[in-house]
C-alpha atoms as a PDB file:
ATOM      1  CA  UNK A   1      -2.622   5.724   6.305  1.00  0.00           C
ATOM      2  CA  UNK A   2      -4.155   8.761   8.071  1.00  0.00           C
ATOM      3  CA  UNK A   3      -7.045   9.319   5.668  1.00  0.00           C
ATOM      4  CA  UNK A   4      -8.446   5.863   6.356  1.00  0.00           C
ATOM      5  CA  UNK A   5      -8.842   6.673  10.057  1.00  0.00           C
ATOM      6  CA  UNK A   6     -10.418  10.132   9.659  1.00  0.00           C
ATOM      7  CA  UNK A   7     -13.593   9.766   7.573  1.00  0.00           C
ATOM      8  CA  UNK A   8     -15.197  12.407   9.813  1.00  0.00           C
ATOM      9  CA  UNK A   9     -12.769  15.027   8.537  1.00  0.00           C
ATOM     10  CA  UNK A  10     -13.783  14.330   4.978  1.00  0.00           C
ATOM     11  CA  UNK A  11     -17.489  14.493   5.935  1.00  0.00           C
ATOM     12  CA  UNK A  12     -16.956  17.887   7.598  1.00  0.00           C
ATOM     13  CA  UNK A  13     -15.109  19.203   4.543  1.00  0.00           C
ATOM     14  CA  UNK A  14     -17.904  17.933   2.268  1.00  0.00           C
ATOM     15  CA  UNK A  15     -20.514  19.718   4.474  1.00  0.00           C
ATOM     16  CA  UNK A  16     -18.562  22.982   4.209  1.00  0.00           C
ATOM     17  CA  UNK A  17     -18.489  22.717   0.441  1.00  0.00           C
ATOM     18  CA  UNK A  18     -22.258  22.032   0.444  1.00  0.00           C
ATOM     19  CA  UNK A  19     -22.892  25.230   2.440  1.00  0.00           C
ATOM     20  CA  UNK A  20     -20.699  27.230   0.022  1.00  0.00           C
ATOM     21  CA  UNK A  21     -22.626  25.761  -2.898  1.00  0.00           C
ATOM     22  CA  UNK A  22     -25.997  26.652  -1.293  1.00  0.00           C
ATOM     23  CA  UNK A  23     -24.983  30.250  -0.620  1.00  0.00           C
ATOM     24  CA  UNK A  24     -23.585  30.562  -4.122  1.00  0.00           C
ATOM     25  CA  UNK A  25     -26.831  29.272  -5.604  1.00  0.00           C
ATOM     26  CA  UNK A  26     -28.881  31.808  -3.609  1.00  0.00           C
ATOM     27  CA  UNK A  27     -26.560  34.623  -4.652  1.00  0.00           C
ATOM     28  CA  UNK A  28     -26.761  33.562  -8.295  1.00  0.00           C
ATOM     29  CA  UNK A  29     -30.554  33.537  -8.159  1.00  0.00           C
ATOM     30  CA  UNK A  30     -30.472  37.114  -6.882  1.00  0.00           C
ATOM     31  CA  UNK A  31     -28.077  38.114  -9.644  1.00  0.00           C
ATOM     32  CA  UNK A  32     -30.354  36.602 -12.265  1.00  0.00           C
ATOM     33  CA  UNK A  33     -33.337  38.578 -10.933  1.00  0.00           C
ATOM     34  CA  UNK A  34     -31.287  41.785 -10.888  1.00  0.00           C
ATOM     35  CA  UNK A  35     -30.082  40.985 -14.406  1.00  0.00           C
ATOM     36  CA  UNK A  36     -33.651  40.612 -15.612  1.00  0.00           C
ATOM     37  CA  UNK A  37     -34.713  43.889 -13.942  1.00  0.00           C
ATOM     38  CA  UNK A  38     -31.828  45.760 -15.539  1.00  0.00           C
ATOM     39  CA  UNK A  39     -32.578  44.332 -18.962  1.00  0.00           C
ATOM     40  CA  UNK A  40     -36.164  45.492 -18.614  1.00  0.00           C
ATOM     41  CA  UNK A  41     -34.961  48.937 -17.558  1.00  0.00           C
ATOM     42  CA  UNK A  42     -32.557  49.091 -20.517  1.00  0.00           C
ATOM     43  CA  UNK A  43     -35.421  48.216 -22.832  1.00  0.00           C
ATOM     44  CA  UNK A  44     -37.502  51.043 -21.362  1.00  0.00           C
ATOM     45  CA  UNK A  45     -34.635  53.493 -21.748  1.00  0.00           C
ATOM     46  CA  UNK A  46     -33.947  52.398 -25.313  1.00  0.00           C
ATOM     47  CA  UNK A  47     -37.569  53.104 -26.147  1.00  0.00           C
ATOM     48  CA  UNK A  48     -37.250  56.449 -24.376  1.00  0.00           C
ATOM     49  CA  UNK A  49     -33.997  57.112 -26.271  1.00  0.00           C
ATOM     50  CA  UNK A  50     -35.669  56.622 -29.596  1.00  0.00           C
ATOM     51  CA  UNK A  51     -38.188  59.191 -28.529  1.00  0.00           C
ATOM     52  CA  UNK A  52     -35.983  61.635 -26.624  1.00  0.00           C
ATOM     53  CA  UNK A  53     -32.393  61.030 -27.825  1.00  0.00           C
ATOM     54  CA  UNK A  54     -29.232  59.667 -26.046  1.00  0.00           C
ATOM     55  CA  UNK A  55     -29.205  59.325 -22.239  1.00  0.00           C
ATOM     56  CA  UNK A  56     -26.238  59.128 -19.843  1.00  0.00           C
ATOM     57  CA  UNK A  57     -28.344  56.958 -17.529  1.00  0.00           C
ATOM     58  CA  UNK A  58     -28.793  54.379 -20.284  1.00  0.00           C
ATOM     59  CA  UNK A  59     -25.029  54.088 -20.749  1.00  0.00           C
ATOM     60  CA  UNK A  60     -24.491  53.656 -17.020  1.00  0.00           C
ATOM     61  CA  UNK A  61     -27.116  50.919 -16.877  1.00  0.00           C
ATOM     62  CA  UNK A  62     -25.511  49.092 -19.794  1.00  0.00           C
ATOM     63  CA  UNK A  63     -22.138  49.163 -18.039  1.00  0.00           C
ATOM     64  CA  UNK A  64     -23.709  47.931 -14.798  1.00  0.00           C
ATOM     65  CA  UNK A  65     -25.491  45.152 -16.681  1.00  0.00           C
ATOM     66  CA  UNK A  66     -22.182  44.072 -18.218  1.00  0.00           C
ATOM     67  CA  UNK A  67     -20.547  43.937 -14.778  1.00  0.00           C
ATOM     68  CA  UNK A  68     -23.443  41.931 -13.352  1.00  0.00           C
ATOM     69  CA  UNK A  69     -23.210  39.401 -16.198  1.00  0.00           C
ATOM     70  CA  UNK A  70     -19.467  39.040 -15.598  1.00  0.00           C
ATOM     71  CA  UNK A  71     -19.997  38.482 -11.870  1.00  0.00           C
ATOM     72  CA  UNK A  72     -22.750  35.980 -12.618  1.00  0.00           C
ATOM     73  CA  UNK A  73     -20.427  33.956 -14.861  1.00  0.00           C
ATOM     74  CA  UNK A  74     -17.683  33.991 -12.213  1.00  0.00           C
ATOM     75  CA  UNK A  75     -20.144  32.701  -9.607  1.00  0.00           C
ATOM     76  CA  UNK A  76     -21.357  29.966 -11.955  1.00  0.00           C
ATOM     77  CA  UNK A  77     -17.774  28.915 -12.657  1.00  0.00           C
ATOM     78  CA  UNK A  78     -17.034  28.806  -8.918  1.00  0.00           C
ATOM     79  CA  UNK A  79     -20.141  26.725  -8.260  1.00  0.00           C
ATOM     80  CA  UNK A  80     -19.057  24.269 -10.956  1.00  0.00           C
ATOM     81  CA  UNK A  81     -15.622  24.025  -9.329  1.00  0.00           C
ATOM     82  CA  UNK A  82     -17.137  23.433  -5.880  1.00  0.00           C
ATOM     83  CA  UNK A  83     -19.444  20.741  -7.272  1.00  0.00           C
ATOM     84  CA  UNK A  84     -16.477  18.948  -8.837  1.00  0.00           C
ATOM     85  CA  UNK A  85     -14.479  19.147  -5.599  1.00  0.00           C
ATOM     86  CA  UNK A  86     -17.450  17.789  -3.653  1.00  0.00           C
ATOM     87  CA  UNK A  87     -17.762  14.915  -6.126  1.00  0.00           C
ATOM     88  CA  UNK A  88     -14.035  14.164  -5.828  1.00  0.00           C
ATOM     89  CA  UNK A  89     -14.291  14.101  -2.029  1.00  0.00           C
ATOM     90  CA  UNK A  90     -17.317  11.794  -2.171  1.00  0.00           C
ATOM     91  CA  UNK A  91     -15.509   9.405  -4.524  1.00  0.00           C
ATOM     92  CA  UNK A  92     -12.384   9.409  -2.362  1.00  0.00           C
ATOM     93  CA  UNK A  93     -14.467   8.767   0.750  1.00  0.00           C
ATOM     94  CA  UNK A  94     -16.099   5.787  -0.989  1.00  0.00           C
ATOM     95  CA  UNK A  95     -12.653   4.458  -1.979  1.00  0.00           C
ATOM     96  CA  UNK A  96     -11.413   4.754   1.613  1.00  0.00           C
ATOM     97  CA  UNK A  97     -14.485   2.913   2.893  1.00  0.00           C
ATOM     98  CA  UNK A  98     -13.872   0.117   0.380  1.00  0.00           C
ATOM     99  CA  UNK A  99     -10.189  -0.085   1.409  1.00  0.00           C
ATOM    100  CA  UNK A 100     -11.140  -0.234   5.081  1.00  0.00           C
ATOM    101  CA  UNK A 101     -13.609  -3.048   4.400  1.00  0.00           C
ATOM    102  CA  UNK A 102     -10.976  -4.930   2.431  1.00  0.00           C
ATOM    103  CA  UNK A 103      -8.382  -4.536   5.193  1.00  0.00           C
ATOM    104  CA  UNK A 104     -10.908  -5.764   7.767  1.00  0.00           C
ATOM    105  CA  UNK A 105     -11.713  -8.816   5.629  1.00  0.00           C
ATOM    106  CA  UNK A 106      -8.016  -9.545   5.105  1.00  0.00           C
ATOM    107  CA  UNK A 107      -7.353  -9.337   8.829  1.00  0.00           C
ATOM    108  CA  UNK A 108     -10.217 -11.706   9.623  1.00  0.00           C
ATOM    109  CA  UNK A 109      -9.319 -14.268   6.968  1.00  0.00           C
ATOM    110  CA  UNK A 110      -5.597 -14.134   7.838  1.00  0.00           C
ATOM    111  CA  UNK A 111      -6.475 -14.739  11.475  1.00  0.00           C
ATOM    112  CA  UNK A 112      -8.648 -17.676  10.397  1.00  0.00           C
ATOM    113  CA  UNK A 113      -5.768 -19.218   8.431  1.00  0.00           C
ATOM    114  CA  UNK A 114      -3.733 -19.497  11.617  1.00  0.00           C
ATOM    115  CA  UNK A 115      -6.601 -20.505  13.897  1.00  0.00           C
ATOM    116  CA  UNK A 116      -6.922 -24.129  12.788  1.00  0.00           C
ATOM    117  CA  UNK A 117      -4.783 -27.246  12.283  1.00  0.00           C
ATOM    118  CA  UNK A 118      -7.342 -28.743   9.875  1.00  0.00           C
ATOM    119  CA  UNK A 119      -5.753 -28.680   6.404  1.00  0.00           C
ATOM    120  CA  UNK A 120      -9.079 -28.969   4.584  1.00  0.00           C
ATOM    121  CA  UNK A 121     -10.448 -26.072   6.628  1.00  0.00           C
ATOM    122  CA  UNK A 122      -7.377 -24.024   5.657  1.00  0.00           C
ATOM    123  CA  UNK A 123      -8.082 -24.761   2.000  1.00  0.00           C
ATOM    124  CA  UNK A 124     -11.697 -23.668   2.492  1.00  0.00           C
ATOM    125  CA  UNK A 125     -10.455 -20.376   3.954  1.00  0.00           C
ATOM    126  CA  UNK A 126      -8.083 -19.918   0.984  1.00  0.00           C
ATOM    127  CA  UNK A 127     -11.023 -20.600  -1.324  1.00  0.00           C
ATOM    128  CA  UNK A 128     -13.133 -18.010   0.504  1.00  0.00           C
ATOM    129  CA  UNK A 129     -10.395 -15.378   0.164  1.00  0.00           C
ATOM    130  CA  UNK A 130      -9.870 -16.054  -3.538  1.00  0.00           C
ATOM    131  CA  UNK A 131     -13.588 -16.162  -4.321  1.00  0.00           C
ATOM    132  CA  UNK A 132     -14.863 -13.220  -2.266  1.00  0.00           C
ATOM    133  CA  UNK A 133     -11.880 -10.861  -2.371  1.00  0.00           C
ATOM    134  CA  UNK A 134     -10.299 -11.677  -5.750  1.00  0.00           C
ATOM    135  CA  UNK A 135     -13.094 -13.240  -7.803  1.00  0.00           C
ATOM    136  CA  UNK A 136     -11.326 -16.572  -8.499  1.00  0.00           C
ATOM    137  CA  UNK A 137     -13.832 -19.377  -8.906  1.00  0.00           C
ATOM    138  CA  UNK A 138     -11.542 -22.374  -9.478  1.00  0.00           C
ATOM    139  CA  UNK A 139      -7.976 -22.981  -8.337  1.00  0.00           C
ATOM    140  CA  UNK A 140      -5.573 -25.836  -7.672  1.00  0.00           C
ATOM    141  CA  UNK A 141      -3.222 -26.256  -4.722  1.00  0.00           C
ATOM    142  CA  UNK A 142       0.104 -27.810  -5.749  1.00  0.00           C
ATOM    143  CA  UNK A 143       2.644 -28.879  -3.122  1.00  0.00           C
ATOM    144  CA  UNK A 144       6.128 -30.332  -3.208  1.00  0.00           C
ATOM    145  CA  UNK A 145       6.939 -33.535  -1.340  1.00  0.00           C
ATOM    146  CA  UNK A 146      10.141 -34.349   0.553  1.00  0.00           C
ATOM    147  CA  UNK A 147      12.043 -34.992  -2.682  1.00  0.00           C
ATOM    148  CA  UNK A 148      10.999 -31.682  -4.213  1.00  0.00           C
ATOM    149  CA  UNK A 149       8.589 -33.366  -6.629  1.00  0.00           C
ATOM    150  CA  UNK A 150       5.073 -32.025  -7.158  1.00  0.00           C
ATOM    151  CA  UNK A 151       2.259 -33.840  -5.389  1.00  0.00           C
ATOM    152  CA  UNK A 152      -0.812 -34.393  -7.544  1.00  0.00           C
ATOM    153  CA  UNK A 153      -2.741 -31.103  -7.461  1.00  0.00           C
ATOM    154  CA  UNK A 154      -5.796 -30.704  -5.262  1.00  0.00           C
ATOM    155  CA  UNK A 155      -8.480 -28.832  -7.224  1.00  0.00           C
ATOM    156  CA  UNK A 156     -10.937 -26.612  -5.374  1.00  0.00           C
ATOM    157  CA  UNK A 157     -14.216 -25.514  -6.946  1.00  0.00           C
ATOM    158  CA  UNK A 158     -17.352 -24.377  -5.097  1.00  0.00           C
ATOM    159  CA  UNK A 159     -16.368 -26.201  -1.917  1.00  0.00           C
ATOM    160  CA  UNK A 160     -15.554 -29.446  -3.768  1.00  0.00           C
ATOM    161  CA  UNK A 161     -11.973 -30.774  -3.402  1.00  0.00           C
ATOM    162  CA  UNK A 162     -10.561 -33.511  -5.609  1.00  0.00           C
ATOM    163  CA  UNK A 163      -7.219 -34.768  -6.915  1.00  0.00           C
ATOM    164  CA  UNK A 164      -6.663 -33.933 -10.582  1.00  0.00           C
ATOM    165  CA  UNK A 165      -4.088 -34.738 -13.245  1.00  0.00           C
ATOM    166  CA  UNK A 166      -3.047 -31.177 -13.999  1.00  0.00           C
ATOM    167  CA  UNK A 167       0.010 -30.236 -16.047  1.00  0.00           C
ATOM    168  CA  UNK A 168       2.589 -29.426 -13.374  1.00  0.00           C
ATOM    169  CA  UNK A 169       5.221 -28.969 -16.095  1.00  0.00           C
ATOM    170  CA  UNK A 170       3.588 -25.820 -17.451  1.00  0.00           C
ATOM    171  CA  UNK A 171       6.360 -23.288 -18.042  1.00  0.00           C
ATOM    172  CA  UNK A 172       4.597 -20.622 -15.957  1.00  0.00           C
ATOM    173  CA  UNK A 173       4.347 -22.984 -12.966  1.00  0.00           C
ATOM    174  CA  UNK A 174       7.970 -24.062 -13.321  1.00  0.00           C
ATOM    175  CA  UNK A 175       9.103 -20.429 -13.539  1.00  0.00           C
ATOM    176  CA  UNK A 176       7.131 -19.392 -10.438  1.00  0.00           C
ATOM    177  CA  UNK A 177       8.441 -22.354  -8.423  1.00  0.00           C
ATOM    178  CA  UNK A 178      12.038 -21.614  -9.390  1.00  0.00           C
ATOM    179  CA  UNK A 179      11.965 -17.805  -8.963  1.00  0.00           C
ATOM    180  CA  UNK A 180       9.429 -17.514  -6.146  1.00  0.00           C
ATOM    181  CA  UNK A 181       7.599 -14.679  -7.918  1.00  0.00           C
ATOM    182  CA  UNK A 182       3.973 -14.829  -8.949  1.00  0.00           C
ATOM    183  CA  UNK A 183       2.749 -14.781 -12.543  1.00  0.00           C
ATOM    184  CA  UNK A 184      -0.509 -12.937 -13.228  1.00  0.00           C
ATOM    185  CA  UNK A 185      -2.180 -12.594 -16.626  1.00  0.00           C
ATOM    186  CA  UNK A 186      -2.772  -8.989 -17.673  1.00  0.00           C
ATOM    187  CA  UNK A 187      -6.086  -7.741 -19.085  1.00  0.00           C
ATOM    188  CA  UNK A 188      -5.126  -8.478 -22.717  1.00  0.00           C
ATOM    189  CA  UNK A 189      -3.964 -11.986 -21.857  1.00  0.00           C
ATOM    190  CA  UNK A 190      -7.130 -12.680 -19.879  1.00  0.00           C
ATOM    191  CA  UNK A 191      -9.278 -11.695 -22.857  1.00  0.00           C
ATOM    192  CA  UNK A 192      -7.471 -14.287 -25.010  1.00  0.00           C
ATOM    193  CA  UNK A 193      -7.278 -17.146 -22.493  1.00  0.00           C
ATOM    194  CA  UNK A 194      -9.838 -19.950 -22.494  1.00  0.00           C
ATOM    195  CA  UNK A 195     -11.998 -20.915 -19.525  1.00  0.00           C
ATOM    196  CA  UNK A 196      -9.711 -23.701 -18.322  1.00  0.00           C
ATOM    197  CA  UNK A 197      -6.422 -21.918 -19.005  1.00  0.00           C
ATOM    198  CA  UNK A 198      -4.131 -20.768 -16.202  1.00  0.00           C
ATOM    199  CA  UNK A 199      -4.916 -17.189 -15.164  1.00  0.00           C
ATOM    200  CA  UNK A 200      -2.409 -16.766 -12.307  1.00  0.00           C
ATOM    201  CA  UNK A 201       0.245 -18.723 -10.387  1.00  0.00           C
ATOM    202  CA  UNK A 202       1.083 -17.708  -6.791  1.00  0.00           C
ATOM    203  CA  UNK A 203       4.087 -19.275  -5.028  1.00  0.00           C
ATOM    204  CA  UNK A 204       3.661 -20.621  -1.484  1.00  0.00           C
ATOM    205  CA  UNK A 205       6.804 -19.736   0.476  1.00  0.00           C
ATOM    206  CA  UNK A 206       8.131 -20.363   3.961  1.00  0.00           C
ATOM    207  CA  UNK A 207      11.480 -18.722   4.829  1.00  0.00           C
ATOM    208  CA  UNK A 208      12.104 -18.048   1.115  1.00  0.00           C
ATOM    209  CA  UNK A 209      11.620 -21.751   0.340  1.00  0.00           C
ATOM    210  CA  UNK A 210       8.886 -22.399  -2.220  1.00  0.00           C
ATOM    211  CA  UNK A 211       6.805 -25.342  -0.988  1.00  0.00           C
ATOM    212  CA  UNK A 212       4.153 -25.178  -3.685  1.00  0.00           C
ATOM    213  CA  UNK A 213       1.835 -22.921  -5.629  1.00  0.00           C
ATOM    214  CA  UNK A 214      -1.752 -21.785  -6.002  1.00  0.00           C
ATOM    215  CA  UNK A 215      -2.838 -21.978  -9.638  1.00  0.00           C
ATOM    216  CA  UNK A 216      -5.975 -20.066 -10.633  1.00  0.00           C
ATOM    217  CA  UNK A 217      -7.906 -21.516 -13.580  1.00  0.00           C
ATOM    218  CA  UNK A 218     -11.266 -19.758 -13.671  1.00  0.00           C
ATOM    219  CA  UNK A 219     -12.532 -16.311 -12.641  1.00  0.00           C
ATOM    220  CA  UNK A 220     -16.046 -15.065 -12.022  1.00  0.00           C
ATOM    221  CA  UNK A 221     -17.784 -13.767 -15.159  1.00  0.00           C
ATOM    222  CA  UNK A 222     -17.631 -10.136 -13.998  1.00  0.00           C
ATOM    223  CA  UNK A 223     -13.882 -10.312 -13.274  1.00  0.00           C
ATOM    224  CA  UNK A 224     -12.158  -8.746 -16.278  1.00  0.00           C
ATOM    225  CA  UNK A 225      -8.683  -8.086 -14.890  1.00  0.00           C
ATOM    226  CA  UNK A 226      -6.488  -8.371 -11.792  1.00  0.00           C
ATOM    227  CA  UNK A 227      -5.897  -5.227  -9.731  1.00  0.00           C
ATOM    228  CA  UNK A 228      -3.106  -3.957  -7.475  1.00  0.00           C
ATOM    229  CA  UNK A 229      -5.205  -5.026  -4.490  1.00  0.00           C
ATOM    230  CA  UNK A 230      -5.418  -8.554  -5.939  1.00  0.00           C
ATOM    231  CA  UNK A 231      -1.616  -8.658  -6.073  1.00  0.00           C
ATOM    232  CA  UNK A 232      -1.427  -7.619  -2.414  1.00  0.00           C
ATOM    233  CA  UNK A 233      -3.829 -10.428  -1.523  1.00  0.00           C
ATOM    234  CA  UNK A 234      -1.712 -12.901  -3.518  1.00  0.00           C
ATOM    235  CA  UNK A 235       1.416 -11.774  -1.654  1.00  0.00           C
ATOM    236  CA  UNK A 236      -0.381 -12.222   1.655  1.00  0.00           C
ATOM    237  CA  UNK A 237      -1.632 -15.691   0.714  1.00  0.00           C
ATOM    238  CA  UNK A 238       1.783 -16.757  -0.561  1.00  0.00           C
ATOM    239  CA  UNK A 239       3.233 -16.435   2.932  1.00  0.00           C
ATOM    240  CA  UNK A 240       0.373 -16.945   5.370  1.00  0.00           C
ATOM    241  CA  UNK A 241      -1.310 -19.836   3.549  1.00  0.00           C
ATOM    242  CA  UNK A 242       2.019 -21.648   3.172  1.00  0.00           C
ATOM    243  CA  UNK A 243       2.830 -21.229   6.866  1.00  0.00           C
ATOM    244  CA  UNK A 244      -0.667 -22.338   7.903  1.00  0.00           C
ATOM    245  CA  UNK A 245      -0.437 -25.495   5.769  1.00  0.00           C
ATOM    246  CA  UNK A 246       3.037 -26.364   7.043  1.00  0.00           C
ATOM    247  CA  UNK A 247       1.959 -25.855  10.652  1.00  0.00           C
ATOM    248  CA  UNK A 248      -1.147 -27.991  10.186  1.00  0.00           C
ATOM    249  CA  UNK A 249       0.756 -30.857   8.551  1.00  0.00           C
ATOM    250  CA  UNK A 250       3.502 -30.738  11.192  1.00  0.00           C
ATOM    251  CA  UNK A 251       0.853 -30.876  13.886  1.00  0.00           C
ATOM    252  CA  UNK A 252      -0.698 -33.955  12.277  1.00  0.00           C
ATOM    253  CA  UNK A 253       2.652 -35.686  11.910  1.00  0.00           C
ATOM    254  CA  UNK A 254       3.835 -34.755  15.408  1.00  0.00           C
ATOM    255  CA  UNK A 255       7.478 -34.688  14.270  1.00  0.00           C
ATOM    256  CA  UNK A 256      10.034 -32.150  13.083  1.00  0.00           C
ATOM    257  CA  UNK A 257       9.768 -33.143   9.417  1.00  0.00           C
ATOM    258  CA  UNK A 258       6.767 -34.106   7.370  1.00  0.00           C
ATOM    259  CA  UNK A 259       5.721 -35.664   4.078  1.00  0.00           C
ATOM    260  CA  UNK A 260       3.180 -33.763   2.067  1.00  0.00           C
ATOM    261  CA  UNK A 261       2.254 -36.948   0.237  1.00  0.00           C
ATOM    262  CA  UNK A 262       1.311 -38.766   3.424  1.00  0.00           C
ATOM    263  CA  UNK A 263       0.479 -35.829   5.654  1.00  0.00           C
ATOM    264  CA  UNK A 264      -1.559 -33.702   3.273  1.00  0.00           C
ATOM    265  CA  UNK A 265      -3.419 -35.975   0.874  1.00  0.00           C
ATOM    266  CA  UNK A 266      -4.388 -38.680   3.367  1.00  0.00           C
ATOM    267  CA  UNK A 267      -6.644 -38.287   6.353  1.00  0.00           C
ATOM    268  CA  UNK A 268      -5.203 -39.223   9.771  1.00  0.00           C
END
């Protein structure tokens, strides 16, 4: 995306608009002074007219005053337009900065996922991504064993990992595991769901084979809805986290096949 790599261009454009605004403001101030002088002159001529009768000069001044007022309004409208454009550029620049920061964080965390064979460390990295980039405070990692059955979920919350008896037969989990497509609650659904209810289910896939799922149970208090960026992060995690876990377990087993039950839940 070209805009992301050219913040200087936007800054230059914003500076040009600022100069236009400054010149317009100075010109408007001059117009206002001229307007006031002409009004005073019209008042003098009106008083003179009452004493001496109609004057051609008075009519000319009235016409000039009308033109000045029209020009003043045009300048004010243009200044308002420039201010709005400057505000739009500033907002867009802030959005691009936020996107760049997000992309940098995603690159770093994705690199970290593939930089270790420690499964628990991988889960900590997943937790960091979900907490800091998505706003998910509690999630469970569910994996399938060699027979395709679900291993007891590993719950992650504030750096604490423990085995839990979660409902792996929830229809949303079953649907995600069978179709390989995530389920994410929309804003209306989130407002109705309880604290411990499932908020999102993300499939973990390697070569189109679903090996498990990430199930999000609790979000940070300020998180009111999932965004398009959250979905991109989920898609990234679905592939990279799954591959990182598989690689780590294979490394621990030292063979071509592995058992999640023995290789994941037990320490070597």
